[in-house]
Amino acid sequence: MWDTKEVEVWSSVSRTHFLLIHGRFVQSNEEFYLVNVYALCGSRDKEALWASLSAQLLLLRGKRVCVCGDFNAVRKTEERRSVRREQVEGEKNHKKGGLNCVFGNFFKNILDNCPQV
């Protein structure tokens, strides 16, 4: 999967709804951490993911970290296609600010002090 001339993968760890890969870029000898996220649609599920992910990211403070993936962040519940009715109703009743607020606060609180590339 990786071009071993470009990337050396030292470890990969699978957690609930995210994969953490640790390695280095061969040519520059730079160490990195890559977090690939697959977030569930439910707001409470997302909050649990962000709590777990933020704990992991705090351990990596000061390291080169890239967080990417499918965050299932939507502006309106109508944008969702494969969501059970209970999830949509739950979203409507969720605290003010909605999912994007939870998502935004997560990155604001965790990544404010991280260098950005």
N, C-alpha and C. Protein backbone atom coordinates (compact mmCIF):
# COMPACT_ATOMS: atom_id res chain seq x y z
N MET A 1 0.81 -1.18 0.00
CA MET A 1 0.00 0.00 0.00
C MET A 1 0.87 1.26 0.00
N TRP A 2 1.97 1.26 0.69
CA TRP A 2 2.87 2.41 0.75
C TRP A 2 4.04 2.20 -0.18
N ASP A 3 4.50 3.24 -0.81
CA ASP A 3 5.71 3.18 -1.61
C ASP A 3 6.88 3.21 -0.62
N THR A 4 7.53 2.08 -0.44
CA THR A 4 8.59 1.98 0.58
C THR A 4 9.81 2.83 0.27
N LYS A 5 9.89 3.34 -0.95
CA LYS A 5 10.97 4.28 -1.27
C LYS A 5 10.67 5.67 -0.71
N GLU A 6 9.39 5.93 -0.43
CA GLU A 6 8.96 7.24 0.04
C GLU A 6 8.58 7.26 1.52
N VAL A 7 7.94 6.18 1.96
CA VAL A 7 7.38 6.14 3.32
C VAL A 7 7.76 4.85 4.01
N GLU A 8 8.20 4.99 5.24
CA GLU A 8 8.48 3.84 6.09
C GLU A 8 7.46 3.84 7.22
N VAL A 9 6.61 2.82 7.28
CA VAL A 9 5.59 2.73 8.32
C VAL A 9 6.13 1.90 9.46
N TRP A 10 6.16 2.50 10.66
CA TRP A 10 6.68 1.81 11.83
C TRP A 10 5.60 1.05 12.58
N SER A 11 4.40 1.64 12.63
CA SER A 11 3.30 0.97 13.34
C SER A 11 1.97 1.51 12.86
N SER A 12 0.95 0.71 13.06
CA SER A 12 -0.42 1.17 12.83
C SER A 12 -1.29 0.56 13.92
N VAL A 13 -2.16 1.40 14.46
CA VAL A 13 -3.03 0.98 15.55
C VAL A 13 -4.45 1.32 15.18
N SER A 14 -5.32 0.35 15.29
CA SER A 14 -6.74 0.55 14.99
C SER A 14 -7.49 0.80 16.29
N ARG A 15 -8.20 1.92 16.35
CA ARG A 15 -9.06 2.27 17.48
C ARG A 15 -10.49 2.37 16.94
N THR A 16 -11.43 2.53 17.84
CA THR A 16 -12.82 2.63 17.41
C THR A 16 -13.00 3.87 16.54
N HIS A 17 -13.22 3.66 15.28
CA HIS A 17 -13.51 4.69 14.28
C HIS A 17 -12.33 5.57 13.89
N PHE A 18 -11.10 5.15 14.20
CA PHE A 18 -9.95 5.80 13.61
C PHE A 18 -8.75 4.86 13.61
N LEU A 19 -7.86 5.11 12.65
CA LEU A 19 -6.64 4.34 12.48
C LEU A 19 -5.47 5.31 12.64
N LEU A 20 -4.50 4.93 13.46
CA LEU A 20 -3.33 5.77 13.70
C LEU A 20 -2.11 5.09 13.10
N ILE A 21 -1.43 5.79 12.21
CA ILE A 21 -0.24 5.27 11.55
C ILE A 21 0.95 6.13 11.95
N HIS A 22 2.04 5.48 12.32
CA HIS A 22 3.26 6.18 12.74
C HIS A 22 4.38 5.74 11.81
N GLY A 23 5.13 6.71 11.30
CA GLY A 23 6.21 6.36 10.38
C GLY A 23 7.10 7.55 10.10
N ARG A 24 7.82 7.46 8.99
CA ARG A 24 8.69 8.57 8.57
C ARG A 24 8.74 8.64 7.06
N PHE A 25 8.98 9.87 6.58
CA PHE A 25 9.22 10.08 5.17
C PHE A 25 10.70 9.79 4.93
N VAL A 26 11.00 8.91 4.00
CA VAL A 26 12.36 8.43 3.80
C VAL A 26 13.31 9.54 3.38
N GLN A 27 12.95 10.32 2.36
CA GLN A 27 13.88 11.32 1.83
C GLN A 27 14.20 12.43 2.83
N SER A 28 13.21 12.89 3.56
CA SER A 28 13.44 13.99 4.50
C SER A 28 13.75 13.50 5.91
N ASN A 29 13.53 12.22 6.15
CA ASN A 29 13.75 11.62 7.47
C ASN A 29 12.82 12.22 8.53
N GLU A 30 11.68 12.79 8.11
CA GLU A 30 10.73 13.39 9.04
C GLU A 30 9.75 12.33 9.56
N GLU A 31 9.62 12.28 10.86
CA GLU A 31 8.67 11.38 11.52
C GLU A 31 7.27 11.98 11.43
N PHE A 32 6.25 11.14 11.30
CA PHE A 32 4.87 11.63 11.21
C PHE A 32 3.90 10.66 11.86
N TYR A 33 2.73 11.19 12.15
CA TYR A 33 1.59 10.41 12.61
C TYR A 33 0.43 10.77 11.69
N LEU A 34 -0.26 9.79 11.18
CA LEU A 34 -1.41 9.99 10.32
C LEU A 34 -2.61 9.35 11.01
N VAL A 35 -3.66 10.14 11.19
CA VAL A 35 -4.88 9.63 11.81
C VAL A 35 -5.97 9.66 10.76
N ASN A 36 -6.49 8.50 10.42
CA ASN A 36 -7.56 8.38 9.43
C ASN A 36 -8.86 8.10 10.20
N VAL A 37 -9.81 9.02 10.10
CA VAL A 37 -11.04 8.98 10.88
C VAL A 37 -12.20 8.51 10.02
N TYR A 38 -13.05 7.66 10.60
CA TYR A 38 -14.37 7.40 10.02
C TYR A 38 -15.38 7.64 11.13
N ALA A 39 -16.03 8.80 11.11
CA ALA A 39 -16.97 9.18 12.16
C ALA A 39 -18.36 8.64 11.85
N LEU A 40 -19.04 8.24 12.88
CA LEU A 40 -20.43 7.84 12.74
C LEU A 40 -21.30 9.08 12.58
N CYS A 41 -22.55 8.89 12.20
CA CYS A 41 -23.44 10.03 11.96
C CYS A 41 -24.04 10.61 13.23
N GLY A 42 -24.28 9.80 14.23
CA GLY A 42 -24.95 10.27 15.44
C GLY A 42 -24.09 11.22 16.25
N SER A 43 -24.72 12.27 16.79
CA SER A 43 -23.95 13.28 17.52
C SER A 43 -23.31 12.71 18.78
N ARG A 44 -23.99 11.84 19.48
CA ARG A 44 -23.40 11.25 20.68
C ARG A 44 -22.24 10.32 20.32
N ASP A 45 -22.37 9.62 19.21
CA ASP A 45 -21.26 8.78 18.73
C ASP A 45 -20.06 9.64 18.38
N LYS A 46 -20.33 10.78 17.74
CA LYS A 46 -19.24 11.69 17.38
C LYS A 46 -18.55 12.24 18.62
N GLU A 47 -19.35 12.60 19.62
CA GLU A 47 -18.76 13.12 20.85
C GLU A 47 -17.83 12.10 21.49
N ALA A 48 -18.25 10.82 21.48
CA ALA A 48 -17.41 9.75 22.03
C ALA A 48 -16.13 9.61 21.20
N LEU A 49 -16.26 9.69 19.89
CA LEU A 49 -15.08 9.63 19.02
C LEU A 49 -14.13 10.78 19.31
N TRP A 50 -14.67 12.01 19.39
CA TRP A 50 -13.81 13.17 19.63
C TRP A 50 -13.11 13.06 20.98
N ALA A 51 -13.79 12.52 21.98
CA ALA A 51 -13.16 12.35 23.29
C ALA A 51 -12.00 11.37 23.19
N SER A 52 -12.22 10.26 22.52
CA SER A 52 -11.17 9.26 22.34
C SER A 52 -10.02 9.80 21.49
N LEU A 53 -10.37 10.47 20.41
CA LEU A 53 -9.36 11.00 19.51
C LEU A 53 -8.57 12.13 20.17
N SER A 54 -9.25 12.98 20.91
CA SER A 54 -8.53 14.08 21.57
C SER A 54 -7.55 13.56 22.60
N ALA A 55 -7.90 12.50 23.32
CA ALA A 55 -6.97 11.89 24.28
C ALA A 55 -5.72 11.39 23.54
N GLN A 56 -5.91 10.77 22.39
CA GLN A 56 -4.79 10.28 21.60
C GLN A 56 -3.93 11.42 21.09
N LEU A 57 -4.58 12.49 20.60
CA LEU A 57 -3.84 13.63 20.06
C LEU A 57 -3.07 14.38 21.14
N LEU A 58 -3.60 14.42 22.34
CA LEU A 58 -2.86 15.06 23.43
C LEU A 58 -1.54 14.35 23.70
N LEU A 59 -1.53 13.04 23.52
CA LEU A 59 -0.29 12.27 23.68
C LEU A 59 0.73 12.60 22.59
N LEU A 60 0.25 13.12 21.47
CA LEU A 60 1.11 13.43 20.33
C LEU A 60 1.43 14.92 20.22
N ARG A 61 1.13 15.67 21.24
CA ARG A 61 1.38 17.12 21.22
C ARG A 61 2.84 17.39 20.89
N GLY A 62 3.07 18.30 19.94
CA GLY A 62 4.42 18.64 19.52
C GLY A 62 4.96 17.77 18.40
N LYS A 63 4.22 16.72 18.02
CA LYS A 63 4.63 15.83 16.93
C LYS A 63 3.97 16.28 15.64
N ARG A 64 4.46 15.76 14.51
CA ARG A 64 3.84 16.04 13.20
C ARG A 64 2.66 15.10 13.03
N VAL A 65 1.46 15.69 13.04
CA VAL A 65 0.23 14.90 12.98
C VAL A 65 -0.67 15.42 11.86
N CYS A 66 -1.20 14.50 11.08
CA CYS A 66 -2.19 14.83 10.06
C CYS A 66 -3.46 14.05 10.39
N VAL A 67 -4.58 14.76 10.55
CA VAL A 67 -5.87 14.13 10.82
C VAL A 67 -6.71 14.29 9.56
N CYS A 68 -7.16 13.18 9.02
CA CYS A 68 -7.96 13.22 7.80
C CYS A 68 -9.02 12.13 7.86
N GLY A 69 -9.89 12.10 6.88
CA GLY A 69 -10.88 11.04 6.81
C GLY A 69 -12.27 11.54 6.53
N ASP A 70 -13.23 10.72 6.91
CA ASP A 70 -14.65 11.01 6.69
C ASP A 70 -15.24 11.38 8.05
N PHE A 71 -15.48 12.67 8.26
CA PHE A 71 -15.98 13.15 9.54
C PHE A 71 -17.50 13.17 9.59
N ASN A 72 -18.15 12.86 8.47
CA ASN A 72 -19.61 12.87 8.39
C ASN A 72 -20.19 14.16 8.97
N ALA A 73 -19.54 15.27 8.70
CA ALA A 73 -20.03 16.58 9.15
C ALA A 73 -20.98 17.12 8.09
N VAL A 74 -22.17 17.46 8.52
CA VAL A 74 -23.18 18.00 7.62
C VAL A 74 -23.76 19.28 8.19
N ARG A 75 -24.24 20.13 7.33
CA ARG A 75 -24.85 21.39 7.79
C ARG A 75 -26.29 21.19 8.21
N LYS A 76 -27.00 20.30 7.50
CA LYS A 76 -28.42 20.07 7.78
C LYS A 76 -28.67 18.57 7.78
N THR A 77 -29.60 18.13 8.61
CA THR A 77 -29.92 16.69 8.65
C THR A 77 -30.49 16.21 7.33
N GLU A 78 -31.07 17.11 6.53
CA GLU A 78 -31.63 16.72 5.24
C GLU A 78 -30.52 16.29 4.25
N GLU A 79 -29.28 16.68 4.52
CA GLU A 79 -28.18 16.30 3.63
C GLU A 79 -27.79 14.84 3.78
N ARG A 80 -28.26 14.23 4.84
CA ARG A 80 -27.90 12.83 5.07
C ARG A 80 -28.77 11.91 4.25
N ARG A 81 -28.18 10.86 3.75
CA ARG A 81 -28.93 9.95 2.88
C ARG A 81 -29.27 8.64 3.57
N SER A 82 -28.35 8.06 4.32
CA SER A 82 -28.57 6.72 4.86
C SER A 82 -28.61 6.75 6.39
N VAL A 83 -29.50 7.58 6.93
CA VAL A 83 -29.59 7.74 8.37
C VAL A 83 -30.96 7.31 8.83
N ARG A 84 -31.00 6.57 9.95
CA ARG A 84 -32.28 6.15 10.52
C ARG A 84 -33.05 7.37 11.03
N ARG A 85 -34.35 7.29 11.01
CA ARG A 85 -35.20 8.41 11.44
C ARG A 85 -34.89 8.82 12.88
N GLU A 86 -34.59 7.84 13.77
CA GLU A 86 -34.30 8.15 15.17
C GLU A 86 -33.06 9.04 15.27
N GLN A 87 -32.07 8.81 14.40
CA GLN A 87 -30.86 9.63 14.42
C GLN A 87 -31.18 11.07 14.02
N VAL A 88 -32.01 11.22 12.99
CA VAL A 88 -32.38 12.56 12.53
C VAL A 88 -33.12 13.29 13.63
N GLU A 89 -34.09 12.62 14.28
CA GLU A 89 -34.85 13.26 15.35
C GLU A 89 -33.92 13.58 16.52
N GLY A 90 -33.00 12.71 16.81
CA GLY A 90 -32.04 12.96 17.88
C GLY A 90 -31.19 14.18 17.59
N GLU A 91 -30.82 14.36 16.35
CA GLU A 91 -30.01 15.52 15.96
C GLU A 91 -30.80 16.81 16.18
N LYS A 92 -32.09 16.78 15.85
CA LYS A 92 -32.92 17.97 16.01
C LYS A 92 -33.02 18.37 17.48
N ASN A 93 -32.99 17.35 18.36
CA ASN A 93 -33.13 17.62 19.78
C ASN A 93 -31.79 17.79 20.48
N HIS A 94 -30.70 17.66 19.76
CA HIS A 94 -29.38 17.77 20.37
C HIS A 94 -29.11 19.20 20.78
N LYS A 95 -28.15 19.38 21.66
CA LYS A 95 -27.88 20.73 22.19
C LYS A 95 -27.63 21.75 21.08
N LYS A 96 -27.90 23.00 21.39
CA LYS A 96 -27.76 24.09 20.41
C LYS A 96 -26.33 24.11 19.87
N GLY A 97 -26.21 24.32 18.59
CA GLY A 97 -24.90 24.34 17.95
C GLY A 97 -24.72 23.16 17.03
N GLY A 98 -25.31 22.03 17.35
CA GLY A 98 -25.29 20.87 16.47
C GLY A 98 -23.92 20.24 16.30
N LEU A 99 -23.85 19.36 15.31
CA LEU A 99 -22.65 18.56 15.09
C LEU A 99 -21.44 19.39 14.70
N ASN A 100 -21.64 20.36 13.84
CA ASN A 100 -20.49 21.16 13.41
C ASN A 100 -19.89 21.93 14.58
N CYS A 101 -20.72 22.28 15.55
CA CYS A 101 -20.21 22.95 16.75
C CYS A 101 -19.33 21.99 17.53
N VAL A 102 -19.78 20.76 17.71
CA VAL A 102 -18.97 19.75 18.41
C VAL A 102 -17.67 19.53 17.66
N PHE A 103 -17.77 19.37 16.35
CA PHE A 103 -16.60 19.14 15.50
C PHE A 103 -15.64 20.33 15.57
N GLY A 104 -16.18 21.54 15.44
CA GLY A 104 -15.35 22.74 15.47
C GLY A 104 -14.66 22.94 16.80
N ASN A 105 -15.39 22.75 17.89
CA ASN A 105 -14.80 22.90 19.22
C ASN A 105 -13.71 21.89 19.46
N PHE A 106 -13.89 20.67 18.95
CA PHE A 106 -12.88 19.63 19.11
C PHE A 106 -11.55 20.11 18.52
N PHE A 107 -11.57 20.55 17.28
CA PHE A 107 -10.33 20.97 16.65
C PHE A 107 -9.78 22.26 17.24
N LYS A 108 -10.67 23.16 17.62
CA LYS A 108 -10.20 24.40 18.22
C LYS A 108 -9.44 24.11 19.51
N ASN A 109 -10.01 23.27 20.36
CA ASN A 109 -9.40 22.98 21.66
C ASN A 109 -8.15 22.12 21.54
N ILE A 110 -8.12 21.21 20.62
CA ILE A 110 -7.00 20.27 20.53
C ILE A 110 -5.87 20.81 19.66
N LEU A 111 -6.21 21.43 18.56
CA LEU A 111 -5.18 21.74 17.56
C LEU A 111 -4.68 23.18 17.57
N ASP A 112 -5.19 24.01 18.46
CA ASP A 112 -4.76 25.41 18.49
C ASP A 112 -3.24 25.56 18.62
N ASN A 113 -2.60 24.70 19.37
CA ASN A 113 -1.17 24.84 19.64
C ASN A 113 -0.30 23.97 18.73
N CYS A 114 -0.91 23.33 17.73
CA CYS A 114 -0.14 22.47 16.84
C CYS A 114 0.30 23.24 15.62
N PRO A 115 1.52 22.99 15.15
CA PRO A 115 1.93 23.62 13.89
C PRO A 115 1.08 23.07 12.75
N GLN A 116 0.71 23.92 11.82
CA GLN A 116 -0.13 23.49 10.71
C GLN A 116 0.67 23.55 9.42
N VAL A 117 0.44 22.55 8.58
CA VAL A 117 1.16 22.44 7.32
C VAL A 117 0.26 22.86 6.19
